[in-house]
Amino acid sequence: MLTLSRMGAVMIPPVTAFYNQPKTLAEVIDHLLYRVLDQFGIESPAAIRWNGLRTDRQHASRRRTPLEVRSYEADQSGAQPIL
C-alpha cells in the first residue's frame, strides 16, 4: 500500500461510518459507495453529507449544568453571562 500510495493511488478502505446512523445494511453500503463516488468527483443526489454534531437542543434528554444554561441564554440574548 505504501508503494501504491507513493505512486499516487488513493486507498479507500471499506470502513463503515455510523455517524449517519444507518438503519439497514443497504444504508451502510450506500454510504460507502457515495464515499467512493466522491473520490471521483461524482455527486449523488441521494448522498447526505454530515454537517457536524447535533446541537444540545437536539439532545434534550441530556442534563445541562447551570453554567451551560447561563452560557446558552447569554448567547441567545447577546448579553455577557454573569458567573
Protein backbone atom coordinates (compact mmCIF):
# COMPACT_ATOMS: atom_id res chain seq x y z
CA MET A 1 0.00 0.00 0.00
CA LEU A 2 2.88 2.36 0.72
CA THR A 3 4.29 1.80 -2.77
CA LEU A 4 0.90 2.39 -4.37
CA SER A 5 0.35 5.50 -2.25
CA ARG A 6 3.71 6.90 -3.32
CA MET A 7 2.66 6.30 -6.92
CA GLY A 8 -0.43 8.44 -6.34
CA ALA A 9 -3.05 5.80 -5.65
CA VAL A 10 -5.75 6.60 -3.12
CA MET A 11 -6.70 3.84 -0.70
CA ILE A 12 -10.39 3.74 0.18
CA PRO A 13 -10.85 1.11 2.87
CA PRO A 14 -14.41 -0.21 3.22
CA VAL A 15 -14.83 1.24 6.70
CA THR A 16 -18.37 1.70 7.88
CA ALA A 17 -19.45 5.06 9.25
CA PHE A 18 -22.06 5.18 11.97
CA TYR A 19 -22.26 8.95 12.47
CA ASN A 20 -25.05 8.99 9.88
CA GLN A 21 -26.96 6.41 11.97
CA PRO A 22 -27.76 3.85 9.26
CA LYS A 23 -30.81 1.72 9.94
CA THR A 24 -30.18 -1.02 7.37
CA LEU A 25 -27.24 -2.79 5.78
CA ALA A 26 -28.25 -1.19 2.48
CA GLU A 27 -27.72 2.27 4.01
CA VAL A 28 -24.24 1.25 5.19
CA ILE A 29 -23.36 0.02 1.69
CA ASP A 30 -24.85 3.11 0.04
CA HIS A 31 -22.79 5.39 2.28
CA LEU A 32 -19.60 3.57 1.33
CA LEU A 33 -20.47 3.82 -2.36
CA TYR A 34 -21.17 7.56 -2.00
CA ARG A 35 -17.70 7.96 -0.50
CA VAL A 36 -16.14 6.12 -3.45
CA LEU A 37 -18.09 8.25 -5.93
CA ASP A 38 -16.99 11.37 -4.03
CA GLN A 39 -13.34 10.40 -4.61
CA PHE A 40 -14.02 10.54 -8.35
CA GLY A 41 -15.82 13.87 -8.07
CA ILE A 42 -19.19 12.33 -8.89
CA GLU A 43 -22.08 13.93 -7.00
CA SER A 44 -25.01 11.77 -5.98
CA PRO A 45 -28.30 13.50 -5.20
CA ALA A 46 -29.16 10.72 -2.74
CA ALA A 47 -25.97 11.27 -0.70
CA ILE A 48 -26.43 13.12 2.57
CA ARG A 49 -23.35 14.95 3.82
CA TRP A 50 -22.54 15.05 7.50
CA ASN A 51 -22.94 18.57 8.93
CA GLY A 52 -21.28 18.05 12.28
CA LEU A 53 -22.54 17.06 15.67
CA ARG A 54 -26.10 17.68 16.73
CA THR A 55 -26.68 20.66 18.99
CA ASP A 56 -27.68 20.42 22.64
CA ARG A 57 -31.20 21.35 21.61
CA GLN A 58 -31.39 18.06 19.70
CA HIS A 59 -30.13 16.26 22.81
CA ALA A 60 -32.96 17.49 25.01
CA SER A 61 -32.67 14.49 27.30
CA ARG A 62 -29.10 15.40 28.29
CA ARG A 63 -28.90 17.30 31.57
CA ARG A 64 -27.08 20.61 31.37
CA THR A 65 -25.15 22.29 34.14
CA PRO A 66 -26.27 25.73 35.36
CA LEU A 67 -23.19 27.23 33.69
CA GLU A 68 -24.18 25.73 30.33
CA VAL A 69 -27.71 27.07 30.70
CA ARG A 70 -26.49 30.59 31.56
CA SER A 71 -23.99 30.48 28.70
CA TYR A 72 -26.69 29.40 26.24
CA GLU A 73 -29.09 32.11 27.46
CA ALA A 74 -26.35 34.74 27.13
CA ASP A 75 -25.59 33.60 23.59
CA GLN A 76 -29.26 33.96 22.66
CA SER A 77 -29.64 37.44 24.16
CA GLY A 78 -26.21 38.75 23.19
CA ALA A 79 -25.51 39.70 26.83
CA GLN A 80 -22.48 38.59 28.79
CA PRO A 81 -23.13 35.77 31.27
CA ILE A 82 -22.83 36.55 34.96
CA LEU A 83 -20.83 33.83 36.66
